[in-house]
Amino acid sequence: MTTARIVNLSELGDADVIKLIDKELSAPGEGEVQLRQTAIGFNFIDVYQRSGIYPLELPTGLGHEAVGVVEVLGEDVTRFKVGDRVMYINAGIGAYASARNVAVDKLVSVPATVSDEVAAAVFFKAMTAQYLVQKTYRVKAGDVVLVHAAAGGVGQILAGWAKSLGAFVVGTVGSPAKFAAAKEAGCDAVVDYSAANWVEEVLKAMNGRKANVVYDSVGKTTFMGSLDCTAPFGTVALFGAASGPAPEIQPDILGKKGCLFLTRPSVFPHNATPELLQENAKAVFDAIAEGRIKVQIGARFTLEQAAEAHKAAESRKLVGAIVMTP
């Protein structure tokens, strides 16, 4: 029997509620494999869930994605063999672990050209960017795209991918210190959304146009301004709440601001079946191979430093993705 080191929460709150325990793993069941995890991805949804913004039933683990090596095969598993490198993003909460049993239909193979660390740093974020640029709103050449938090993990991928498709990309960031990272990611112009006149500055950067699509992961502090930056019949994709939940609005405001489309998408429904997961993962790995997705790792932590990883993310001082290793 394998002993796994896992994060376990008995309460929700600040980062100090994160505790590690040892857990005995049973043999993988039918249709499962046991993974020795080699790299764990951090995503801001982990903060939302740990803090109680998105409440979880207790006790609970944390984390949605990890890369690992298949160590043990469950009954009737033929798709993978021992030693295969695989990863997942939607196998249930509990990726903060040194080992784990995972259902085969939640796994995708990791190409030999992508390292464990890069895969863990980018996959969840890239799968988020993938549905946003290919499904929520299909970005095309000539579009104007506004990406909030453009120096963050998802924001950098979104900006670069949209730019590679021929869009004019304006990014916002939380401080001037992040301008360079957003520009390097692919933004044609960058604006500090903490400034009182950020909407005016965004519109100025768009040279008289408004955005065909606004990708807003910030929420509370940017949402109303996002509506003002969107072109008539444009789309506002609210996919996060880094500053808190977006304010409630009356639907009529969407008509008054130009018959806007407002959506609150999520990565999990977009990958709800094995077929969708494999299709979207292929799109992501193809985009990496084509150079549309560039990976910047901002910090590395061990699993024992999970609380420190959360504190670093919440400080808003990091640029790029966080990776944890068991």
C-alpha atoms as a PDB file:
ATOM      1  CA  MET A   1       0.000   0.000   0.000  1.00  0.00           C
ATOM      2  CA  THR A   2       1.250   3.492  -0.906  1.00  0.00           C
ATOM      3  CA  THR A   3       1.486   6.282   1.641  1.00  0.00           C
ATOM      4  CA  ALA A   4       0.699   9.660   0.092  1.00  0.00           C
ATOM      5  CA  ARG A   5       1.447  13.088   1.500  1.00  0.00           C
ATOM      6  CA  ILE A   6      -1.654  15.212   0.918  1.00  0.00           C
ATOM      7  CA  VAL A   7      -3.055  18.626   1.758  1.00  0.00           C
ATOM      8  CA  ASN A   8      -6.123  18.363   3.943  1.00  0.00           C
ATOM      9  CA  LEU A   9      -8.390  21.203   5.068  1.00  0.00           C
ATOM     10  CA  SER A  10     -10.593  20.862   8.129  1.00  0.00           C
ATOM     11  CA  GLU A  11     -11.677  24.506   7.890  1.00  0.00           C
ATOM     12  CA  LEU A  12     -11.807  27.263   5.299  1.00  0.00           C
ATOM     13  CA  GLY A  13      -9.992  30.555   5.721  1.00  0.00           C
ATOM     14  CA  ASP A  14      -6.595  32.133   5.140  1.00  0.00           C
ATOM     15  CA  ALA A  15      -3.589  30.226   3.829  1.00  0.00           C
ATOM     16  CA  ASP A  16      -2.641  28.970   7.277  1.00  0.00           C
ATOM     17  CA  VAL A  17      -5.578  26.511   7.253  1.00  0.00           C
ATOM     18  CA  ILE A  18      -3.551  24.415   4.784  1.00  0.00           C
ATOM     19  CA  LYS A  19      -2.211  21.319   6.567  1.00  0.00           C
ATOM     20  CA  LEU A  20      -0.379  18.241   5.287  1.00  0.00           C
ATOM     21  CA  ILE A  21      -1.195  14.718   6.431  1.00  0.00           C
ATOM     22  CA  ASP A  22      -0.175  11.197   5.476  1.00  0.00           C
ATOM     23  CA  LYS A  23      -2.834   9.026   3.856  1.00  0.00           C
ATOM     24  CA  GLU A  24      -2.738   5.367   2.911  1.00  0.00           C
ATOM     25  CA  LEU A  25      -3.837   4.878  -0.701  1.00  0.00           C
ATOM     26  CA  SER A  26      -5.750   1.764  -1.606  1.00  0.00           C
ATOM     27  CA  ALA A  27      -4.974  -0.061  -4.837  1.00  0.00           C
ATOM     28  CA  PRO A  28      -6.514   1.673  -7.862  1.00  0.00           C
ATOM     29  CA  GLY A  29     -10.020   0.480  -8.663  1.00  0.00           C
ATOM     30  CA  GLU A  30     -11.500  -0.617 -11.953  1.00  0.00           C
ATOM     31  CA  GLY A  31     -10.754   1.971 -14.628  1.00  0.00           C
ATOM     32  CA  GLU A  32      -8.221   3.779 -12.443  1.00  0.00           C
ATOM     33  CA  VAL A  33      -4.448   4.137 -12.269  1.00  0.00           C
ATOM     34  CA  GLN A  34      -2.235   5.145  -9.378  1.00  0.00           C
ATOM     35  CA  LEU A  35       0.034   8.077 -10.103  1.00  0.00           C
ATOM     36  CA  ARG A  36       3.295   9.132  -8.538  1.00  0.00           C
ATOM     37  CA  GLN A  37       2.842  12.859  -8.970  1.00  0.00           C
ATOM     38  CA  THR A  38       5.818  14.843 -10.185  1.00  0.00           C
ATOM     39  CA  ALA A  39       4.478  18.400 -10.576  1.00  0.00           C
ATOM     40  CA  ILE A  40       1.353  20.129  -9.286  1.00  0.00           C
ATOM     41  CA  GLY A  41      -0.257  23.166 -10.857  1.00  0.00           C
ATOM     42  CA  PHE A  42      -1.501  26.128  -8.840  1.00  0.00           C
ATOM     43  CA  ASN A  43      -4.574  28.040 -10.017  1.00  0.00           C
ATOM     44  CA  PHE A  44      -6.357  30.967  -8.426  1.00  0.00           C
ATOM     45  CA  ILE A  45      -9.494  28.874  -8.059  1.00  0.00           C
ATOM     46  CA  ASP A  46      -7.521  27.068  -5.329  1.00  0.00           C
ATOM     47  CA  VAL A  47      -7.507  30.341  -3.358  1.00  0.00           C
ATOM     48  CA  TYR A  48     -11.229  30.885  -3.934  1.00  0.00           C
ATOM     49  CA  GLN A  49     -11.982  27.398  -2.644  1.00  0.00           C
ATOM     50  CA  ARG A  50      -9.579  27.474   0.299  1.00  0.00           C
ATOM     51  CA  SER A  51     -10.866  30.845   1.469  1.00  0.00           C
ATOM     52  CA  GLY A  52     -14.545  29.972   1.129  1.00  0.00           C
ATOM     53  CA  ILE A  53     -15.401  32.266  -1.797  1.00  0.00           C
ATOM     54  CA  TYR A  54     -16.271  29.016  -3.564  1.00  0.00           C
ATOM     55  CA  PRO A  55     -17.156  26.907  -0.491  1.00  0.00           C
ATOM     56  CA  LEU A  56     -16.162  23.237  -0.314  1.00  0.00           C
ATOM     57  CA  GLU A  57     -17.587  20.475   1.838  1.00  0.00           C
ATOM     58  CA  LEU A  58     -15.175  19.714   4.677  1.00  0.00           C
ATOM     59  CA  PRO A  59     -12.832  17.996   5.165  1.00  0.00           C
ATOM     60  CA  THR A  60     -11.366  18.509   1.714  1.00  0.00           C
ATOM     61  CA  GLY A  61      -8.202  18.460  -0.318  1.00  0.00           C
ATOM     62  CA  LEU A  62      -7.108  21.189  -2.696  1.00  0.00           C
ATOM     63  CA  GLY A  63      -5.999  21.472  -6.277  1.00  0.00           C
ATOM     64  CA  HIS A  64      -7.252  20.477  -9.705  1.00  0.00           C
ATOM     65  CA  GLU A  65      -4.233  19.583 -11.827  1.00  0.00           C
ATOM     66  CA  ALA A  66      -1.084  17.548 -11.620  1.00  0.00           C
ATOM     67  CA  VAL A  67       1.380  15.643 -13.762  1.00  0.00           C
ATOM     68  CA  GLY A  68       2.511  12.190 -12.809  1.00  0.00           C
ATOM     69  CA  VAL A  69       3.847   8.806 -13.792  1.00  0.00           C
ATOM     70  CA  VAL A  70       1.595   5.751 -13.894  1.00  0.00           C
ATOM     71  CA  GLU A  71       2.787   3.375 -11.161  1.00  0.00           C
ATOM     72  CA  VAL A  72      -0.071   0.862 -10.815  1.00  0.00           C
ATOM     73  CA  LEU A  73      -2.855  -0.163 -13.199  1.00  0.00           C
ATOM     74  CA  GLY A  74      -6.361  -0.885 -12.021  1.00  0.00           C
ATOM     75  CA  GLU A  75      -8.536  -3.623 -13.471  1.00  0.00           C
ATOM     76  CA  ASP A  76      -9.455  -3.317 -17.160  1.00  0.00           C
ATOM     77  CA  VAL A  77      -7.023  -0.454 -17.840  1.00  0.00           C
ATOM     78  CA  THR A  78      -5.567  -0.849 -21.321  1.00  0.00           C
ATOM     79  CA  ARG A  79      -5.146   2.737 -22.483  1.00  0.00           C
ATOM     80  CA  PHE A  80      -2.058   3.388 -20.341  1.00  0.00           C
ATOM     81  CA  LYS A  81       0.884   1.358 -19.136  1.00  0.00           C
ATOM     82  CA  VAL A  82       3.196   1.640 -16.155  1.00  0.00           C
ATOM     83  CA  GLY A  83       5.707   4.435 -16.741  1.00  0.00           C
ATOM     84  CA  ASP A  84       3.448   6.615 -18.913  1.00  0.00           C
ATOM     85  CA  ARG A  85       3.496  10.377 -18.255  1.00  0.00           C
ATOM     86  CA  VAL A  86       0.000  11.753 -17.860  1.00  0.00           C
ATOM     87  CA  MET A  87      -1.876  14.666 -16.346  1.00  0.00           C
ATOM     88  CA  TYR A  88      -5.370  15.759 -15.379  1.00  0.00           C
ATOM     89  CA  ILE A  89      -7.382  18.875 -14.539  1.00  0.00           C
ATOM     90  CA  ASN A  90     -10.830  17.540 -13.716  1.00  0.00           C
ATOM     91  CA  ALA A  91     -10.413  14.457 -11.550  1.00  0.00           C
ATOM     92  CA  GLY A  92     -11.992  15.996  -8.471  1.00  0.00           C
ATOM     93  CA  ILE A  93     -10.312  18.175  -5.885  1.00  0.00           C
ATOM     94  CA  GLY A  94      -7.179  16.715  -4.335  1.00  0.00           C
ATOM     95  CA  ALA A  95      -4.260  17.366  -6.692  1.00  0.00           C
ATOM     96  CA  TYR A  96      -2.111  18.687  -3.824  1.00  0.00           C
ATOM     97  CA  ALA A  97      -0.692  15.232  -3.152  1.00  0.00           C
ATOM     98  CA  SER A  98       2.408  13.132  -3.721  1.00  0.00           C
ATOM     99  CA  ALA A  99       0.392  10.203  -5.095  1.00  0.00           C
ATOM    100  CA  ARG A 100      -3.198   9.691  -6.160  1.00  0.00           C
ATOM    101  CA  ASN A 101      -5.619   7.245  -7.768  1.00  0.00           C
ATOM    102  CA  VAL A 102      -7.237   8.794 -10.860  1.00  0.00           C
ATOM    103  CA  ALA A 103      -9.850   7.537 -13.302  1.00  0.00           C
ATOM    104  CA  VAL A 104      -8.402   6.849 -16.739  1.00  0.00           C
ATOM    105  CA  ASP A 105     -11.056   8.905 -18.527  1.00  0.00           C
ATOM    106  CA  LYS A 106      -9.778  12.009 -16.696  1.00  0.00           C
ATOM    107  CA  LEU A 107      -6.212  11.609 -17.979  1.00  0.00           C
ATOM    108  CA  VAL A 108      -4.367  12.911 -21.017  1.00  0.00           C
ATOM    109  CA  SER A 109      -0.906  11.911 -22.184  1.00  0.00           C
ATOM    110  CA  VAL A 110       1.836  14.512 -21.904  1.00  0.00           C
ATOM    111  CA  PRO A 111       3.861  14.932 -25.125  1.00  0.00           C
ATOM    112  CA  ALA A 112       7.562  14.152 -24.859  1.00  0.00           C
ATOM    113  CA  THR A 113       8.314  17.718 -25.964  1.00  0.00           C
ATOM    114  CA  VAL A 114       6.605  19.184 -22.854  1.00  0.00           C
ATOM    115  CA  SER A 115       8.311  18.854 -19.456  1.00  0.00           C
ATOM    116  CA  ASP A 116       6.413  17.918 -16.292  1.00  0.00           C
ATOM    117  CA  GLU A 117       7.006  21.369 -14.848  1.00  0.00           C
ATOM    118  CA  VAL A 118       5.822  23.195 -17.961  1.00  0.00           C
ATOM    119  CA  ALA A 119       2.759  20.960 -18.244  1.00  0.00           C
ATOM    120  CA  ALA A 120       1.781  21.620 -14.612  1.00  0.00           C
ATOM    121  CA  ALA A 121       2.452  25.338 -14.996  1.00  0.00           C
ATOM    122  CA  VAL A 122       0.358  25.795 -18.096  1.00  0.00           C
ATOM    123  CA  PHE A 123      -2.260  23.091 -18.686  1.00  0.00           C
ATOM    124  CA  PHE A 124      -5.233  24.247 -16.570  1.00  0.00           C
ATOM    125  CA  LYS A 125      -4.575  27.854 -17.555  1.00  0.00           C
ATOM    126  CA  ALA A 126      -4.154  26.960 -21.222  1.00  0.00           C
ATOM    127  CA  MET A 127      -7.336  24.861 -21.173  1.00  0.00           C
ATOM    128  CA  THR A 128      -9.082  27.936 -19.776  1.00  0.00           C
ATOM    129  CA  ALA A 129      -7.622  30.149 -22.502  1.00  0.00           C
ATOM    130  CA  GLN A 130      -8.528  27.527 -25.099  1.00  0.00           C
ATOM    131  CA  TYR A 131     -12.264  27.615 -24.463  1.00  0.00           C
ATOM    132  CA  LEU A 132     -12.191  31.404 -24.131  1.00  0.00           C
ATOM    133  CA  VAL A 133     -10.497  32.098 -27.494  1.00  0.00           C
ATOM    134  CA  GLN A 134     -11.968  29.163 -29.424  1.00  0.00           C
ATOM    135  CA  LYS A 135     -15.446  28.677 -27.961  1.00  0.00           C
ATOM    136  CA  THR A 136     -16.714  31.477 -25.695  1.00  0.00           C
ATOM    137  CA  TYR A 137     -15.700  33.963 -28.372  1.00  0.00           C
ATOM    138  CA  ARG A 138     -13.764  32.761 -31.402  1.00  0.00           C
ATOM    139  CA  VAL A 139     -11.025  35.359 -31.757  1.00  0.00           C
ATOM    140  CA  LYS A 140     -10.157  36.277 -35.329  1.00  0.00           C
ATOM    141  CA  ALA A 141      -7.808  38.594 -37.175  1.00  0.00           C
ATOM    142  CA  GLY A 142      -8.757  42.240 -36.787  1.00  0.00           C
ATOM    143  CA  ASP A 143     -10.606  41.824 -33.478  1.00  0.00           C
ATOM    144  CA  VAL A 144      -9.955  44.114 -30.545  1.00  0.00           C
ATOM    145  CA  VAL A 145      -9.478  42.056 -27.387  1.00  0.00           C
ATOM    146  CA  LEU A 146      -9.258  43.290 -23.793  1.00  0.00           C
ATOM    147  CA  VAL A 147      -7.539  40.960 -21.333  1.00  0.00           C
ATOM    148  CA  HIS A 148      -7.684  41.838 -17.649  1.00  0.00           C
ATOM    149  CA  ALA A 149      -4.847  40.632 -15.384  1.00  0.00           C
ATOM    150  CA  ALA A 150      -2.714  40.212 -18.496  1.00  0.00           C
ATOM    151  CA  ALA A 151       0.454  39.525 -16.489  1.00  0.00           C
ATOM    152  CA  GLY A 152      -1.126  36.589 -14.643  1.00  0.00           C
ATOM    153  CA  GLY A 153      -0.924  32.935 -15.594  1.00  0.00           C
ATOM    154  CA  VAL A 154      -4.108  32.788 -17.678  1.00  0.00           C
ATOM    155  CA  GLY A 155      -3.822  36.408 -18.789  1.00  0.00           C
ATOM    156  CA  GLN A 156      -0.421  35.935 -20.402  1.00  0.00           C
ATOM    157  CA  ILE A 157      -1.626  32.897 -22.313  1.00  0.00           C
ATOM    158  CA  LEU A 158      -4.811  34.679 -23.418  1.00  0.00           C
ATOM    159  CA  ALA A 159      -2.928  37.748 -24.589  1.00  0.00           C
ATOM    160  CA  GLY A 160      -0.356  35.745 -26.534  1.00  0.00           C
ATOM    161  CA  TRP A 161      -2.885  33.385 -28.098  1.00  0.00           C
ATOM    162  CA  ALA A 162      -5.212  36.226 -29.151  1.00  0.00           C
ATOM    163  CA  LYS A 163      -2.264  38.155 -30.607  1.00  0.00           C
ATOM    164  CA  SER A 164      -1.144  35.083 -32.568  1.00  0.00           C
ATOM    165  CA  LEU A 165      -4.631  34.956 -34.129  1.00  0.00           C
ATOM    166  CA  GLY A 166      -4.255  38.502 -35.460  1.00  0.00           C
ATOM    167  CA  ALA A 167      -6.120  40.467 -32.778  1.00  0.00           C
ATOM    168  CA  PHE A 168      -5.196  43.876 -31.381  1.00  0.00           C
ATOM    169  CA  VAL A 169      -4.762  43.139 -27.674  1.00  0.00           C
ATOM    170  CA  VAL A 170      -5.038  45.577 -24.797  1.00  0.00           C
ATOM    171  CA  GLY A 171      -4.096  44.196 -21.412  1.00  0.00           C
ATOM    172  CA  THR A 172      -4.711  45.538 -17.940  1.00  0.00           C
ATOM    173  CA  VAL A 173      -2.531  44.852 -14.910  1.00  0.00           C
ATOM    174  CA  GLY A 174      -2.742  45.671 -11.214  1.00  0.00           C
ATOM    175  CA  SER A 175       0.422  47.761 -11.022  1.00  0.00           C
ATOM    176  CA  PRO A 176       2.987  49.430 -13.318  1.00  0.00           C
ATOM    177  CA  ALA A 177       5.538  46.811 -12.243  1.00  0.00           C
ATOM    178  CA  LYS A 178       3.669  44.265 -14.381  1.00  0.00           C
ATOM    179  CA  PHE A 179       3.618  46.287 -17.609  1.00  0.00           C
ATOM    180  CA  ALA A 180       6.700  44.592 -19.043  1.00  0.00           C
ATOM    181  CA  ALA A 181       5.349  41.077 -18.490  1.00  0.00           C
ATOM    182  CA  ALA A 182       2.042  41.924 -20.172  1.00  0.00           C
ATOM    183  CA  LYS A 183       3.822  43.499 -23.135  1.00  0.00           C
ATOM    184  CA  GLU A 184       6.122  40.508 -23.438  1.00  0.00           C
ATOM    185  CA  ALA A 185       3.103  38.214 -23.383  1.00  0.00           C
ATOM    186  CA  GLY A 186       1.712  39.876 -26.501  1.00  0.00           C
ATOM    187  CA  CYS A 187      -0.272  42.961 -25.486  1.00  0.00           C
ATOM    188  CA  ASP A 188      -0.151  45.874 -27.918  1.00  0.00           C
ATOM    189  CA  ALA A 189      -0.941  48.269 -25.071  1.00  0.00           C
ATOM    190  CA  VAL A 190      -1.083  47.927 -21.282  1.00  0.00           C
ATOM    191  CA  VAL A 191      -3.121  49.891 -18.735  1.00  0.00           C
ATOM    192  CA  ASP A 192      -3.050  49.889 -14.937  1.00  0.00           C
ATOM    193  CA  TYR A 193      -6.572  48.964 -13.809  1.00  0.00           C
ATOM    194  CA  SER A 194      -5.888  50.270 -10.302  1.00  0.00           C
ATOM    195  CA  ALA A 195      -5.857  53.821 -11.714  1.00  0.00           C
ATOM    196  CA  ALA A 196      -9.108  55.776 -11.356  1.00  0.00           C
ATOM    197  CA  ASN A 197      -9.237  56.571 -15.087  1.00  0.00           C
ATOM    198  CA  TRP A 198      -8.364  53.093 -16.374  1.00  0.00           C
ATOM    199  CA  VAL A 199     -11.455  52.825 -18.590  1.00  0.00           C
ATOM    200  CA  GLU A 200     -10.556  56.090 -20.317  1.00  0.00           C
ATOM    201  CA  GLU A 201      -6.982  54.868 -20.794  1.00  0.00           C
ATOM    202  CA  VAL A 202      -8.166  51.545 -22.254  1.00  0.00           C
ATOM    203  CA  LEU A 203     -10.463  53.296 -24.720  1.00  0.00           C
ATOM    204  CA  LYS A 204      -7.622  55.627 -25.707  1.00  0.00           C
ATOM    205  CA  ALA A 205      -5.365  52.606 -26.309  1.00  0.00           C
ATOM    206  CA  MET A 206      -8.028  51.085 -28.568  1.00  0.00           C
ATOM    207  CA  ASN A 207      -7.779  54.074 -30.932  1.00  0.00           C
ATOM    208  CA  GLY A 208     -11.472  54.865 -31.124  1.00  0.00           C
ATOM    209  CA  ARG A 209     -12.723  51.288 -31.159  1.00  0.00           C
ATOM    210  CA  LYS A 210     -14.115  49.135 -28.376  1.00  0.00           C
ATOM    211  CA  ALA A 211     -13.418  45.481 -27.642  1.00  0.00           C
ATOM    212  CA  ASN A 212     -15.120  42.682 -29.513  1.00  0.00           C
ATOM    213  CA  VAL A 213     -14.488  40.605 -26.406  1.00  0.00           C
ATOM    214  CA  VAL A 214     -13.420  41.371 -22.857  1.00  0.00           C
ATOM    215  CA  TYR A 215     -11.901  38.549 -20.810  1.00  0.00           C
ATOM    216  CA  ASP A 216     -12.412  39.509 -17.161  1.00  0.00           C
ATOM    217  CA  SER A 217     -10.953  37.372 -14.375  1.00  0.00           C
ATOM    218  CA  VAL A 218     -10.735  40.236 -11.879  1.00  0.00           C
ATOM    219  CA  GLY A 219     -14.435  40.731 -11.219  1.00  0.00           C
ATOM    220  CA  LYS A 220     -15.473  43.265  -8.586  1.00  0.00           C
ATOM    221  CA  THR A 221     -13.109  46.109  -9.441  1.00  0.00           C
ATOM    222  CA  THR A 222     -13.204  45.786 -13.247  1.00  0.00           C
ATOM    223  CA  PHE A 223     -16.591  44.380 -14.229  1.00  0.00           C
ATOM    224  CA  MET A 224     -18.598  47.597 -14.659  1.00  0.00           C
ATOM    225  CA  GLY A 225     -15.706  49.151 -16.536  1.00  0.00           C
ATOM    226  CA  SER A 226     -15.518  46.062 -18.732  1.00  0.00           C
ATOM    227  CA  LEU A 227     -19.061  46.760 -19.934  1.00  0.00           C
ATOM    228  CA  ASP A 228     -18.018  50.284 -20.920  1.00  0.00           C
ATOM    229  CA  CYS A 229     -15.043  48.953 -22.915  1.00  0.00           C
ATOM    230  CA  THR A 230     -17.117  46.500 -24.983  1.00  0.00           C
ATOM    231  CA  ALA A 231     -18.301  47.226 -28.518  1.00  0.00           C
ATOM    232  CA  PRO A 232     -21.994  46.932 -29.428  1.00  0.00           C
ATOM    233  CA  PHE A 233     -22.922  43.251 -29.734  1.00  0.00           C
ATOM    234  CA  GLY A 234     -19.596  42.391 -28.106  1.00  0.00           C
ATOM    235  CA  THR A 235     -18.981  39.726 -25.483  1.00  0.00           C
ATOM    236  CA  VAL A 236     -17.958  40.080 -21.850  1.00  0.00           C
ATOM    237  CA  ALA A 237     -16.585  36.775 -20.528  1.00  0.00           C
ATOM    238  CA  LEU A 238     -16.441  36.937 -16.739  1.00  0.00           C
ATOM    239  CA  PHE A 239     -14.392  33.897 -15.742  1.00  0.00           C
ATOM    240  CA  GLY A 240     -12.925  34.817 -12.370  1.00  0.00           C
ATOM    241  CA  ALA A 241     -13.227  37.004  -9.311  1.00  0.00           C
ATOM    242  CA  ALA A 242      -9.710  37.835  -8.156  1.00  0.00           C
ATOM    243  CA  SER A 243     -10.887  41.091  -6.527  1.00  0.00           C
ATOM    244  CA  GLY A 244     -14.177  39.620  -5.321  1.00  0.00           C
ATOM    245  CA  PRO A 245     -17.509  38.717  -6.960  1.00  0.00           C
ATOM    246  CA  ALA A 246     -18.684  41.045  -9.687  1.00  0.00           C
ATOM    247  CA  PRO A 247     -21.536  43.390  -8.710  1.00  0.00           C
ATOM    248  CA  GLU A 248     -25.058  42.312  -9.534  1.00  0.00           C
ATOM    249  CA  ILE A 249     -26.641  44.102 -12.472  1.00  0.00           C
ATOM    250  CA  GLN A 250     -30.065  44.416 -14.036  1.00  0.00           C
ATOM    251  CA  PRO A 251     -30.148  42.685 -17.439  1.00  0.00           C
ATOM    252  CA  ASP A 252     -31.407  45.890 -19.070  1.00  0.00           C
ATOM    253  CA  ILE A 253     -27.981  47.457 -18.637  1.00  0.00           C
ATOM    254  CA  LEU A 254     -26.610  45.104 -21.296  1.00  0.00           C
ATOM    255  CA  GLY A 255     -29.060  46.563 -23.804  1.00  0.00           C
ATOM    256  CA  LYS A 256     -28.282  50.120 -22.840  1.00  0.00           C
ATOM    257  CA  LYS A 257     -24.554  49.564 -23.283  1.00  0.00           C
ATOM    258  CA  GLY A 258     -24.891  48.122 -26.786  1.00  0.00           C
ATOM    259  CA  CYS A 259     -26.779  44.809 -26.708  1.00  0.00           C
ATOM    260  CA  LEU A 260     -23.843  43.087 -25.049  1.00  0.00           C
ATOM    261  CA  PHE A 261     -23.468  39.375 -24.485  1.00  0.00           C
ATOM    262  CA  LEU A 262     -22.468  38.446 -20.917  1.00  0.00           C
ATOM    263  CA  THR A 263     -21.349  34.954 -19.972  1.00  0.00           C
ATOM    264  CA  ARG A 264     -19.842  33.261 -16.927  1.00  0.00           C
ATOM    265  CA  PRO A 265     -17.975  30.262 -18.397  1.00  0.00           C
ATOM    266  CA  SER A 266     -15.898  27.630 -16.619  1.00  0.00           C
ATOM    267  CA  VAL A 267     -13.261  25.140 -17.670  1.00  0.00           C
ATOM    268  CA  PHE A 268     -15.062  22.149 -16.156  1.00  0.00           C
ATOM    269  CA  PRO A 269     -18.252  22.086 -18.306  1.00  0.00           C
ATOM    270  CA  HIS A 270     -16.051  22.583 -21.363  1.00  0.00           C
ATOM    271  CA  ASN A 271     -14.216  19.351 -20.477  1.00  0.00           C
ATOM    272  CA  ALA A 272     -17.093  17.399 -18.985  1.00  0.00           C
ATOM    273  CA  THR A 273     -16.692  14.307 -21.175  1.00  0.00           C
ATOM    274  CA  PRO A 274     -13.597  12.252 -22.064  1.00  0.00           C
ATOM    275  CA  GLU A 275     -14.072  13.179 -25.701  1.00  0.00           C
ATOM    276  CA  LEU A 276     -14.127  16.927 -24.989  1.00  0.00           C
ATOM    277  CA  LEU A 277     -11.114  16.620 -22.697  1.00  0.00           C
ATOM    278  CA  GLN A 278      -9.017  14.861 -25.334  1.00  0.00           C
ATOM    279  CA  GLU A 279     -10.126  17.268 -28.092  1.00  0.00           C
ATOM    280  CA  ASN A 280      -9.349  20.376 -26.047  1.00  0.00           C
ATOM    281  CA  ALA A 281      -6.063  18.995 -24.718  1.00  0.00           C
ATOM    282  CA  LYS A 282      -4.954  18.355 -28.296  1.00  0.00           C
ATOM    283  CA  ALA A 283      -5.781  21.968 -29.155  1.00  0.00           C
ATOM    284  CA  VAL A 284      -3.678  23.161 -26.223  1.00  0.00           C
ATOM    285  CA  PHE A 285      -0.668  20.972 -26.986  1.00  0.00           C
ATOM    286  CA  ASP A 286      -0.917  21.979 -30.665  1.00  0.00           C
ATOM    287  CA  ALA A 287      -0.894  25.639 -29.602  1.00  0.00           C
ATOM    288  CA  ILE A 288       2.192  25.053 -27.476  1.00  0.00           C
ATOM    289  CA  ALA A 289       3.937  23.355 -30.403  1.00  0.00           C
ATOM    290  CA  GLU A 290       2.969  26.226 -32.728  1.00  0.00           C
ATOM    291  CA  GLY A 291       4.366  28.801 -30.314  1.00  0.00           C
ATOM    292  CA  ARG A 292       0.980  30.380 -29.576  1.00  0.00           C
ATOM    293  CA  ILE A 293       1.394  29.568 -25.878  1.00  0.00           C
ATOM    294  CA  LYS A 294       4.503  30.628 -24.031  1.00  0.00           C
ATOM    295  CA  VAL A 295       5.174  29.530 -20.495  1.00  0.00           C
ATOM    296  CA  GLN A 296       6.570  31.761 -17.765  1.00  0.00           C
ATOM    297  CA  ILE A 297       7.055  30.175 -14.357  1.00  0.00           C
ATOM    298  CA  GLY A 298       6.992  32.850 -11.685  1.00  0.00           C
ATOM    299  CA  ALA A 299       7.726  30.738  -8.603  1.00  0.00           C
ATOM    300  CA  ARG A 300       8.395  27.190  -7.467  1.00  0.00           C
ATOM    301  CA  PHE A 301       7.348  25.691  -4.145  1.00  0.00           C
ATOM    302  CA  THR A 302       7.382  22.250  -2.569  1.00  0.00           C
ATOM    303  CA  LEU A 303       4.124  20.634  -1.487  1.00  0.00           C
ATOM    304  CA  GLU A 304       5.115  21.394   2.114  1.00  0.00           C
ATOM    305  CA  GLN A 305       5.185  25.078   1.106  1.00  0.00           C
ATOM    306  CA  ALA A 306       1.626  25.094  -0.255  1.00  0.00           C
ATOM    307  CA  ALA A 307       0.547  27.772   2.220  1.00  0.00           C
ATOM    308  CA  GLU A 308       3.454  29.966   1.120  1.00  0.00           C
ATOM    309  CA  ALA A 309       2.425  29.454  -2.510  1.00  0.00           C
ATOM    310  CA  HIS A 310      -1.072  30.730  -1.714  1.00  0.00           C
ATOM    311  CA  LYS A 311       0.293  33.742   0.146  1.00  0.00           C
ATOM    312  CA  ALA A 312       2.569  34.577  -2.772  1.00  0.00           C
ATOM    313  CA  ALA A 313      -0.321  34.391  -5.222  1.00  0.00           C
ATOM    314  CA  GLU A 314      -2.533  36.567  -3.043  1.00  0.00           C
ATOM    315  CA  SER A 315       0.195  39.195  -2.736  1.00  0.00           C
ATOM    316  CA  ARG A 316      -0.274  40.004  -6.443  1.00  0.00           C
ATOM    317  CA  LYS A 317       3.478  40.490  -6.739  1.00  0.00           C
ATOM    318  CA  LEU A 318       4.246  37.375  -8.782  1.00  0.00           C
ATOM    319  CA  VAL A 319       4.429  37.345 -12.546  1.00  0.00           C
ATOM    320  CA  GLY A 320       3.778  34.019 -14.239  1.00  0.00           C
ATOM    321  CA  ALA A 321       2.658  30.616 -13.040  1.00  0.00           C
ATOM    322  CA  ILE A 322       3.290  28.798  -9.748  1.00  0.00           C
ATOM    323  CA  VAL A 323       4.413  25.184  -9.746  1.00  0.00           C
ATOM    324  CA  MET A 324       4.625  22.855  -6.742  1.00  0.00           C
ATOM    325  CA  THR A 325       6.600  19.635  -6.500  1.00  0.00           C
ATOM    326  CA  PRO A 326       5.816  16.784  -4.084  1.00  0.00           C
END
